[in-house]
């Protein structure tokens, strides 16, 4: 996992209002291990990644990370497009 992914993992944790120690307790990892994930020096398994997503409540960020898409932006464009068709 690249270092920029580590930054996204860190952002997800911070947005959830969790410390590294708190998230580590939830995921059954040490604070040191959480730090390594966030620095990009250790790669979490897909299972750990999904547990991180659920623990932090950040599925939108996970979609961006995994699929390279902005779910919220795409949904906004879709709604605008549907509204335009409704007006016609």
PDB file of N, CA and C in Angstrom:
ATOM      1  N   UNK A   1       0.854  -1.175   0.000  1.00  0.00           N
ATOM      2  CA  UNK A   1       0.000   0.000   0.000  1.00  0.00           C
ATOM      3  C   UNK A   1       0.896   1.232   0.000  1.00  0.00           C
ATOM      4  N   UNK A   2       0.575   2.198  -0.812  1.00  0.00           N
ATOM      5  CA  UNK A   2       1.389   3.394  -0.937  1.00  0.00           C
ATOM      6  C   UNK A   2       1.196   4.312   0.264  1.00  0.00           C
ATOM      7  N   UNK A   3       2.184   5.221   0.449  1.00  0.00           N
ATOM      8  CA  UNK A   3       2.132   6.144   1.578  1.00  0.00           C
ATOM      9  C   UNK A   3       0.894   7.034   1.522  1.00  0.00           C
ATOM     10  N   UNK A   4       0.417   7.415   0.315  1.00  0.00           N
ATOM     11  CA  UNK A   4      -0.770   8.266   0.234  1.00  0.00           C
ATOM     12  C   UNK A   4      -2.003   7.518   0.745  1.00  0.00           C
ATOM     13  N   UNK A   5      -2.032   6.209   0.616  1.00  0.00           N
ATOM     14  CA  UNK A   5      -3.124   5.443   1.199  1.00  0.00           C
ATOM     15  C   UNK A   5      -3.058   5.531   2.721  1.00  0.00           C
ATOM     16  N   UNK A   6      -1.851   5.494   3.237  1.00  0.00           N
ATOM     17  CA  UNK A   6      -1.676   5.636   4.670  1.00  0.00           C
ATOM     18  C   UNK A   6      -2.249   6.948   5.174  1.00  0.00           C
ATOM     19  N   UNK A   7      -2.044   8.010   4.400  1.00  0.00           N
ATOM     20  CA  UNK A   7      -2.608   9.308   4.773  1.00  0.00           C
ATOM     21  C   UNK A   7      -4.128   9.271   4.782  1.00  0.00           C
ATOM     22  N   UNK A   8      -4.714   8.569   3.826  1.00  0.00           N
ATOM     23  CA  UNK A   8      -6.177   8.448   3.799  1.00  0.00           C
ATOM     24  C   UNK A   8      -6.682   7.646   4.997  1.00  0.00           C
ATOM     25  N   UNK A   9      -5.957   6.601   5.359  1.00  0.00           N
ATOM     26  CA  UNK A   9      -6.341   5.828   6.541  1.00  0.00           C
ATOM     27  C   UNK A   9      -6.299   6.719   7.779  1.00  0.00           C
ATOM     28  N   UNK A  10      -5.267   7.545   7.862  1.00  0.00           N
ATOM     29  CA  UNK A  10      -5.138   8.457   8.994  1.00  0.00           C
ATOM     30  C   UNK A  10      -6.287   9.468   9.012  1.00  0.00           C
ATOM     31  N   UNK A  11      -6.602  10.032   7.850  1.00  0.00           N
ATOM     32  CA  UNK A  11      -7.718  10.985   7.760  1.00  0.00           C
ATOM     33  C   UNK A  11      -9.028  10.341   8.204  1.00  0.00           C
ATOM     34  N   UNK A  12      -9.248   9.096   7.793  1.00  0.00           N
ATOM     35  CA  UNK A  12     -10.466   8.397   8.185  1.00  0.00           C
ATOM     36  C   UNK A  12     -10.547   8.266   9.704  1.00  0.00           C
ATOM     37  N   UNK A  13      -9.421   7.915  10.324  1.00  0.00           N
ATOM     38  CA  UNK A  13      -9.390   7.753  11.783  1.00  0.00           C
ATOM     39  C   UNK A  13      -9.655   9.083  12.478  1.00  0.00           C
ATOM     40  N   UNK A  14      -8.997  10.126  12.008  1.00  0.00           N
ATOM     41  CA  UNK A  14      -9.147  11.446  12.630  1.00  0.00           C
ATOM     42  C   UNK A  14     -10.568  11.963  12.473  1.00  0.00           C
ATOM     43  N   UNK A  15     -11.154  11.790  11.282  1.00  0.00           N
ATOM     44  CA  UNK A  15     -12.529  12.234  11.053  1.00  0.00           C
ATOM     45  C   UNK A  15     -13.512  11.499  11.966  1.00  0.00           C
ATOM     46  N   UNK A  16     -13.163  10.263  12.324  1.00  0.00           N
ATOM     47  CA  UNK A  16     -14.017   9.488  13.232  1.00  0.00           C
ATOM     48  C   UNK A  16     -13.804   9.890  14.692  1.00  0.00           C
ATOM     49  N   UNK A  17     -12.820  10.751  14.939  1.00  0.00           N
ATOM     50  CA  UNK A  17     -12.559  11.194  16.306  1.00  0.00           C
ATOM     51  C   UNK A  17     -11.874  10.157  17.168  1.00  0.00           C
ATOM     52  N   UNK A  18     -11.118   9.267  16.532  1.00  0.00           N
ATOM     53  CA  UNK A  18     -10.440   8.195  17.261  1.00  0.00           C
ATOM     54  C   UNK A  18      -8.941   8.446  17.333  1.00  0.00           C
ATOM     55  N   UNK A  19      -8.344   8.087  18.453  1.00  0.00           N
ATOM     56  CA  UNK A  19      -6.888   8.097  18.556  1.00  0.00           C
ATOM     57  C   UNK A  19      -6.368   6.789  17.955  1.00  0.00           C
ATOM     58  N   UNK A  20      -5.071   6.734  17.717  1.00  0.00           N
ATOM     59  CA  UNK A  20      -4.481   5.481  17.241  1.00  0.00           C
ATOM     60  C   UNK A  20      -4.706   4.366  18.253  1.00  0.00           C
ATOM     61  N   UNK A  21      -4.608   4.698  19.505  1.00  0.00           N
ATOM     62  CA  UNK A  21      -4.807   3.699  20.561  1.00  0.00           C
ATOM     63  C   UNK A  21      -6.248   3.180  20.573  1.00  0.00           C
ATOM     64  N   UNK A  22      -7.223   4.086  20.423  1.00  0.00           N
ATOM     65  CA  UNK A  22      -8.631   3.674  20.419  1.00  0.00           C
ATOM     66  C   UNK A  22      -8.941   2.791  19.209  1.00  0.00           C
ATOM     67  N   UNK A  23      -8.462   3.202  18.033  1.00  0.00           N
ATOM     68  CA  UNK A  23      -8.714   2.404  16.836  1.00  0.00           C
ATOM     69  C   UNK A  23      -8.013   1.052  16.946  1.00  0.00           C
ATOM     70  N   UNK A  24      -6.807   1.075  17.495  1.00  0.00           N
ATOM     71  CA  UNK A  24      -6.078  -0.176  17.702  1.00  0.00           C
ATOM     72  C   UNK A  24      -6.850  -1.140  18.598  1.00  0.00           C
ATOM     73  N   UNK A  25      -7.475  -0.606  19.636  1.00  0.00           N
ATOM     74  CA  UNK A  25      -8.270  -1.453  20.544  1.00  0.00           C
ATOM     75  C   UNK A  25      -9.467  -2.048  19.805  1.00  0.00           C
ATOM     76  N   UNK A  26     -10.101  -1.265  18.964  1.00  0.00           N
ATOM     77  CA  UNK A  26     -11.253  -1.752  18.196  1.00  0.00           C
ATOM     78  C   UNK A  26     -10.834  -2.851  17.225  1.00  0.00           C
ATOM     79  N   UNK A  27      -9.682  -2.629  16.552  1.00  0.00           N
ATOM     80  CA  UNK A  27      -9.227  -3.568  15.517  1.00  0.00           C
ATOM     81  C   UNK A  27      -8.310  -4.668  16.052  1.00  0.00           C
ATOM     82  N   UNK A  28      -7.998  -4.603  17.359  1.00  0.00           N
ATOM     83  CA  UNK A  28      -7.110  -5.576  18.000  1.00  0.00           C
ATOM     84  C   UNK A  28      -5.684  -5.500  17.454  1.00  0.00           C
ATOM     85  N   UNK A  29      -5.216  -4.244  17.277  1.00  0.00           N
ATOM     86  CA  UNK A  29      -3.835  -3.976  16.874  1.00  0.00           C
ATOM     87  C   UNK A  29      -3.232  -3.006  17.875  1.00  0.00           C
ATOM     88  N   UNK A  30      -1.919  -3.006  17.952  1.00  0.00           N
ATOM     89  CA  UNK A  30      -1.236  -2.062  18.835  1.00  0.00           C
ATOM     90  C   UNK A  30      -1.249  -0.663  18.204  1.00  0.00           C
ATOM     91  N   UNK A  31      -1.024   0.342  19.035  1.00  0.00           N
ATOM     92  CA  UNK A  31      -0.914   1.714  18.551  1.00  0.00           C
ATOM     93  C   UNK A  31       0.220   1.808  17.523  1.00  0.00           C
ATOM     94  N   UNK A  32       1.303   1.098  17.775  1.00  0.00           N
ATOM     95  CA  UNK A  32       2.453   1.085  16.866  1.00  0.00           C
ATOM     96  C   UNK A  32       2.070   0.541  15.488  1.00  0.00           C
ATOM     97  N   UNK A  33       1.261  -0.497  15.465  1.00  0.00           N
ATOM     98  CA  UNK A  33       0.825  -1.091  14.197  1.00  0.00           C
ATOM     99  C   UNK A  33      -0.079  -0.121  13.430  1.00  0.00           C
ATOM    100  N   UNK A  34      -0.987   0.534  14.131  1.00  0.00           N
ATOM    101  CA  UNK A  34      -1.856   1.532  13.495  1.00  0.00           C
ATOM    102  C   UNK A  34      -1.006   2.628  12.895  1.00  0.00           C
ATOM    103  N   UNK A  35       0.014   3.067  13.609  1.00  0.00           N
ATOM    104  CA  UNK A  35       0.926   4.099  13.122  1.00  0.00           C
ATOM    105  C   UNK A  35       1.629   3.651  11.845  1.00  0.00           C
ATOM    106  N   UNK A  36       2.054   2.403  11.802  1.00  0.00           N
ATOM    107  CA  UNK A  36       2.729   1.877  10.609  1.00  0.00           C
ATOM    108  C   UNK A  36       1.788   1.829   9.417  1.00  0.00           C
ATOM    109  N   UNK A  37       0.531   1.458   9.639  1.00  0.00           N
ATOM    110  CA  UNK A  37      -0.452   1.487   8.552  1.00  0.00           C
ATOM    111  C   UNK A  37      -0.587   2.907   8.007  1.00  0.00           C
ATOM    112  N   UNK A  38      -0.683   3.874   8.919  1.00  0.00           N
ATOM    113  CA  UNK A  38      -0.893   5.263   8.515  1.00  0.00           C
ATOM    114  C   UNK A  38       0.332   5.873   7.846  1.00  0.00           C
ATOM    115  N   UNK A  39       1.507   5.402   8.205  1.00  0.00           N
ATOM    116  CA  UNK A  39       2.741   5.891   7.574  1.00  0.00           C
ATOM    117  C   UNK A  39       3.019   5.188   6.252  1.00  0.00           C
ATOM    118  N   UNK A  40       2.297   4.111   6.004  1.00  0.00           N
ATOM    119  CA  UNK A  40       2.492   3.361   4.767  1.00  0.00           C
ATOM    120  C   UNK A  40       3.650   2.393   4.822  1.00  0.00           C
ATOM    121  N   UNK A  41       4.187   2.157   6.015  1.00  0.00           N
ATOM    122  CA  UNK A  41       5.299   1.215   6.137  1.00  0.00           C
ATOM    123  C   UNK A  41       4.831  -0.218   6.341  1.00  0.00           C
ATOM    124  N   UNK A  42       3.546  -0.372   6.618  1.00  0.00           N
ATOM    125  CA  UNK A  42       2.946  -1.707   6.757  1.00  0.00           C
ATOM    126  C   UNK A  42       1.619  -1.681   6.016  1.00  0.00           C
ATOM    127  N   UNK A  43       1.351  -2.744   5.291  1.00  0.00           N
ATOM    128  CA  UNK A  43       0.127  -2.816   4.497  1.00  0.00           C
ATOM    129  C   UNK A  43      -0.929  -3.646   5.208  1.00  0.00           C
ATOM    130  N   UNK A  44      -2.119  -3.055   5.432  1.00  0.00           N
ATOM    131  CA  UNK A  44      -3.183  -3.847   6.053  1.00  0.00           C
ATOM    132  C   UNK A  44      -3.770  -4.839   5.049  1.00  0.00           C
ATOM    133  N   UNK A  45      -4.250  -5.950   5.557  1.00  0.00           N
ATOM    134  CA  UNK A  45      -4.958  -6.894   4.680  1.00  0.00           C
ATOM    135  C   UNK A  45      -6.278  -6.252   4.263  1.00  0.00           C
ATOM    136  N   UNK A  46      -6.931  -6.822   3.288  1.00  0.00           N
ATOM    137  CA  UNK A  46      -8.226  -6.288   2.862  1.00  0.00           C
ATOM    138  C   UNK A  46      -9.241  -6.401   3.998  1.00  0.00           C
ATOM    139  N   UNK A  47      -9.141  -7.444   4.792  1.00  0.00           N
ATOM    140  CA  UNK A  47     -10.045  -7.610   5.940  1.00  0.00           C
ATOM    141  C   UNK A  47      -9.809  -6.490   6.950  1.00  0.00           C
ATOM    142  N   UNK A  48      -8.549  -6.221   7.260  1.00  0.00           N
ATOM    143  CA  UNK A  48      -8.223  -5.136   8.193  1.00  0.00           C
ATOM    144  C   UNK A  48      -8.683  -3.802   7.633  1.00  0.00           C
ATOM    145  N   UNK A  49      -8.473  -3.600   6.333  1.00  0.00           N
ATOM    146  CA  UNK A  49      -8.906  -2.359   5.702  1.00  0.00           C
ATOM    147  C   UNK A  49     -10.419  -2.173   5.849  1.00  0.00           C
ATOM    148  N   UNK A  50     -11.187  -3.231   5.588  1.00  0.00           N
ATOM    149  CA  UNK A  50     -12.645  -3.118   5.696  1.00  0.00           C
ATOM    150  C   UNK A  50     -13.080  -2.919   7.145  1.00  0.00           C
ATOM    151  N   UNK A  51     -12.400  -3.550   8.085  1.00  0.00           N
ATOM    152  CA  UNK A  51     -12.698  -3.315   9.502  1.00  0.00           C
ATOM    153  C   UNK A  51     -12.408  -1.856   9.859  1.00  0.00           C
ATOM    154  N   UNK A  52     -11.333  -1.308   9.307  1.00  0.00           N
ATOM    155  CA  UNK A  52     -10.976   0.102   9.518  1.00  0.00           C
ATOM    156  C   UNK A  52     -12.091   0.998   8.992  1.00  0.00           C
ATOM    157  N   UNK A  53     -12.582   0.675   7.794  1.00  0.00           N
ATOM    158  CA  UNK A  53     -13.665   1.446   7.170  1.00  0.00           C
ATOM    159  C   UNK A  53     -14.904   1.441   8.055  1.00  0.00           C
ATOM    160  N   UNK A  54     -15.295   0.275   8.535  1.00  0.00           N
ATOM    161  CA  UNK A  54     -16.491   0.179   9.378  1.00  0.00           C
ATOM    162  C   UNK A  54     -16.284   0.865  10.724  1.00  0.00           C
ATOM    163  N   UNK A  55     -15.091   0.721  11.291  1.00  0.00           N
ATOM    164  CA  UNK A  55     -14.805   1.327  12.597  1.00  0.00           C
ATOM    165  C   UNK A  55     -14.813   2.851  12.520  1.00  0.00           C
ATOM    166  N   UNK A  56     -14.418   3.391  11.373  1.00  0.00           N
ATOM    167  CA  UNK A  56     -14.353   4.848  11.220  1.00  0.00           C
ATOM    168  C   UNK A  56     -15.575   5.431  10.529  1.00  0.00           C
ATOM    169  N   UNK A  57     -16.448   4.567   9.994  1.00  0.00           N
ATOM    170  CA  UNK A  57     -17.656   5.047   9.324  1.00  0.00           C
ATOM    171  C   UNK A  57     -17.371   5.834   8.067  1.00  0.00           C
ATOM    172  N   UNK A  58     -16.383   5.400   7.289  1.00  0.00           N
ATOM    173  CA  UNK A  58     -15.957   6.131   6.101  1.00  0.00           C
ATOM    174  C   UNK A  58     -16.069   5.298   4.809  1.00  0.00           C
ATOM    175  N   UNK A  59     -17.245   4.760   4.491  1.00  0.00           N
ATOM    176  CA  UNK A  59     -17.350   3.954   3.261  1.00  0.00           C
ATOM    177  C   UNK A  59     -17.112   4.756   1.985  1.00  0.00           C
ATOM    178  N   UNK A  60     -17.437   6.047   1.994  1.00  0.00           N
ATOM    179  CA  UNK A  60     -17.204   6.863   0.803  1.00  0.00           C
ATOM    180  C   UNK A  60     -15.717   6.976   0.505  1.00  0.00           C
ATOM    181  N   UNK A  61     -14.937   7.193   1.545  1.00  0.00           N
ATOM    182  CA  UNK A  61     -13.482   7.273   1.364  1.00  0.00           C
ATOM    183  C   UNK A  61     -12.931   5.930   0.895  1.00  0.00           C
ATOM    184  N   UNK A  62     -13.494   4.855   1.377  1.00  0.00           N
ATOM    185  CA  UNK A  62     -13.042   3.529   0.961  1.00  0.00           C
ATOM    186  C   UNK A  62     -13.293   3.332  -0.530  1.00  0.00           C
ATOM    187  N   UNK A  63     -14.439   3.785  -1.016  1.00  0.00           N
ATOM    188  CA  UNK A  63     -14.754   3.662  -2.438  1.00  0.00           C
ATOM    189  C   UNK A  63     -13.769   4.463  -3.269  1.00  0.00           C
ATOM    190  N   UNK A  64     -13.449   5.665  -2.820  1.00  0.00           N
ATOM    191  CA  UNK A  64     -12.468   6.482  -3.533  1.00  0.00           C
ATOM    192  C   UNK A  64     -11.128   5.762  -3.558  1.00  0.00           C
ATOM    193  N   UNK A  65     -10.740   5.228  -2.436  1.00  0.00           N
ATOM    194  CA  UNK A  65      -9.466   4.548  -2.313  1.00  0.00           C
ATOM    195  C   UNK A  65      -9.404   3.298  -3.189  1.00  0.00           C
ATOM    196  N   UNK A  66     -10.449   2.488  -3.149  1.00  0.00           N
ATOM    197  CA  UNK A  66     -10.440   1.224  -3.872  1.00  0.00           C
ATOM    198  C   UNK A  66     -10.734   1.361  -5.365  1.00  0.00           C
ATOM    199  N   UNK A  67     -11.660   2.266  -5.694  1.00  0.00           N
ATOM    200  CA  UNK A  67     -12.118   2.335  -7.072  1.00  0.00           C
ATOM    201  C   UNK A  67     -11.732   3.615  -7.795  1.00  0.00           C
ATOM    202  N   UNK A  68     -11.155   4.553  -7.065  1.00  0.00           N
ATOM    203  CA  UNK A  68     -10.730   5.798  -7.691  1.00  0.00           C
ATOM    204  C   UNK A  68     -11.895   6.671  -8.122  1.00  0.00           C
ATOM    205  N   UNK A  69     -13.019   6.559  -7.432  1.00  0.00           N
ATOM    206  CA  UNK A  69     -14.185   7.365  -7.788  1.00  0.00           C
ATOM    207  C   UNK A  69     -14.652   8.164  -6.591  1.00  0.00           C
ATOM    208  N   UNK A  70     -15.285   9.249  -6.878  1.00  0.00           N
ATOM    209  CA  UNK A  70     -15.862  10.077  -5.830  1.00  0.00           C
ATOM    210  C   UNK A  70     -17.357   9.791  -5.818  1.00  0.00           C
ATOM    211  N   UNK A  71     -17.791   8.950  -4.902  1.00  0.00           N
ATOM    212  CA  UNK A  71     -19.174   8.485  -4.845  1.00  0.00           C
ATOM    213  C   UNK A  71     -20.138   9.659  -4.689  1.00  0.00           C
ATOM    214  N   UNK A  72     -19.839  10.577  -3.787  1.00  0.00           N
ATOM    215  CA  UNK A  72     -20.732  11.705  -3.528  1.00  0.00           C
ATOM    216  C   UNK A  72     -20.854  12.594  -4.761  1.00  0.00           C
ATOM    217  N   UNK A  73     -19.738  12.896  -5.378  1.00  0.00           N
ATOM    218  CA  UNK A  73     -19.759  13.742  -6.572  1.00  0.00           C
ATOM    219  C   UNK A  73     -20.534  13.071  -7.700  1.00  0.00           C
ATOM    220  N   UNK A  74     -20.313  11.781  -7.907  1.00  0.00           N
ATOM    221  CA  UNK A  74     -21.029  11.065  -8.963  1.00  0.00           C
ATOM    222  C   UNK A  74     -22.521  11.011  -8.672  1.00  0.00           C
ATOM    223  N   UNK A  75     -22.902  10.816  -7.426  1.00  0.00           N
ATOM    224  CA  UNK A  75     -24.317  10.796  -7.061  1.00  0.00           C
ATOM    225  C   UNK A  75     -24.946  12.161  -7.311  1.00  0.00           C
ATOM    226  N   UNK A  76     -24.222  13.220  -6.997  1.00  0.00           N
ATOM    227  CA  UNK A  76     -24.713  14.579  -7.218  1.00  0.00           C
ATOM    228  C   UNK A  76     -24.963  14.816  -8.715  1.00  0.00           C
ATOM    229  N   UNK A  77     -24.015  14.400  -9.541  1.00  0.00           N
ATOM    230  CA  UNK A  77     -24.172  14.553 -10.996  1.00  0.00           C
ATOM    231  C   UNK A  77     -25.363  13.744 -11.502  1.00  0.00           C
ATOM    232  N   UNK A  78     -25.542  12.540 -10.964  1.00  0.00           N
ATOM    233  CA  UNK A  78     -26.653  11.690 -11.374  1.00  0.00           C
ATOM    234  C   UNK A  78     -27.987  12.344 -11.027  1.00  0.00           C
ATOM    235  N   UNK A  79     -28.101  12.876  -9.817  1.00  0.00           N
ATOM    236  CA  UNK A  79     -29.342  13.533  -9.392  1.00  0.00           C
ATOM    237  C   UNK A  79     -29.629  14.742 -10.271  1.00  0.00           C
ATOM    238  N   UNK A  80     -28.608  15.529 -10.568  1.00  0.00           N
ATOM    239  CA  UNK A  80     -28.800  16.686 -11.446  1.00  0.00           C
ATOM    240  C   UNK A  80     -29.254  16.260 -12.837  1.00  0.00           C
ATOM    241  N   UNK A  81     -28.666  15.185 -13.338  1.00  0.00           N
ATOM    242  CA  UNK A  81     -29.036  14.687 -14.656  1.00  0.00           C
ATOM    243  C   UNK A  81     -30.490  14.211 -14.658  1.00  0.00           C
ATOM    244  N   UNK A  82     -30.891  13.484 -13.607  1.00  0.00           N
ATOM    245  CA  UNK A  82     -32.268  12.994 -13.527  1.00  0.00           C
ATOM    246  C   UNK A  82     -33.266  14.164 -13.413  1.00  0.00           C
ATOM    247  N   UNK A  83     -32.892  15.189 -12.669  1.00  0.00           N
ATOM    248  CA  UNK A  83     -33.744  16.355 -12.525  1.00  0.00           C
ATOM    249  C   UNK A  83     -33.930  17.053 -13.874  1.00  0.00           C
ATOM    250  N   UNK A  84     -32.853  17.134 -14.632  1.00  0.00           N
ATOM    251  CA  UNK A  84     -32.916  17.749 -15.959  1.00  0.00           C
ATOM    252  C   UNK A  84     -33.869  16.975 -16.860  1.00  0.00           C
ATOM    253  N   UNK A  85     -33.786  15.637 -16.852  1.00  0.00           N
ATOM    254  CA  UNK A  85     -34.683  14.806 -17.661  1.00  0.00           C
ATOM    255  C   UNK A  85     -36.126  14.967 -17.220  1.00  0.00           C
ATOM    256  N   UNK A  86     -36.334  15.144 -15.921  1.00  0.00           N
ATOM    257  CA  UNK A  86     -37.690  15.310 -15.388  1.00  0.00           C
ATOM    258  C   UNK A  86     -38.290  16.602 -15.919  1.00  0.00           C
ATOM    259  N   UNK A  87     -37.481  17.637 -16.088  1.00  0.00           N
ATOM    260  CA  UNK A  87     -37.965  18.926 -16.566  1.00  0.00           C
ATOM    261  C   UNK A  87     -38.359  18.882 -18.047  1.00  0.00           C
ATOM    262  N   UNK A  88     -37.783  17.966 -18.777  1.00  0.00           N
ATOM    263  CA  UNK A  88     -38.041  17.897 -20.226  1.00  0.00           C
ATOM    264  C   UNK A  88     -39.366  17.292 -20.516  1.00  0.00           C
TER     265      UNK A  88
END
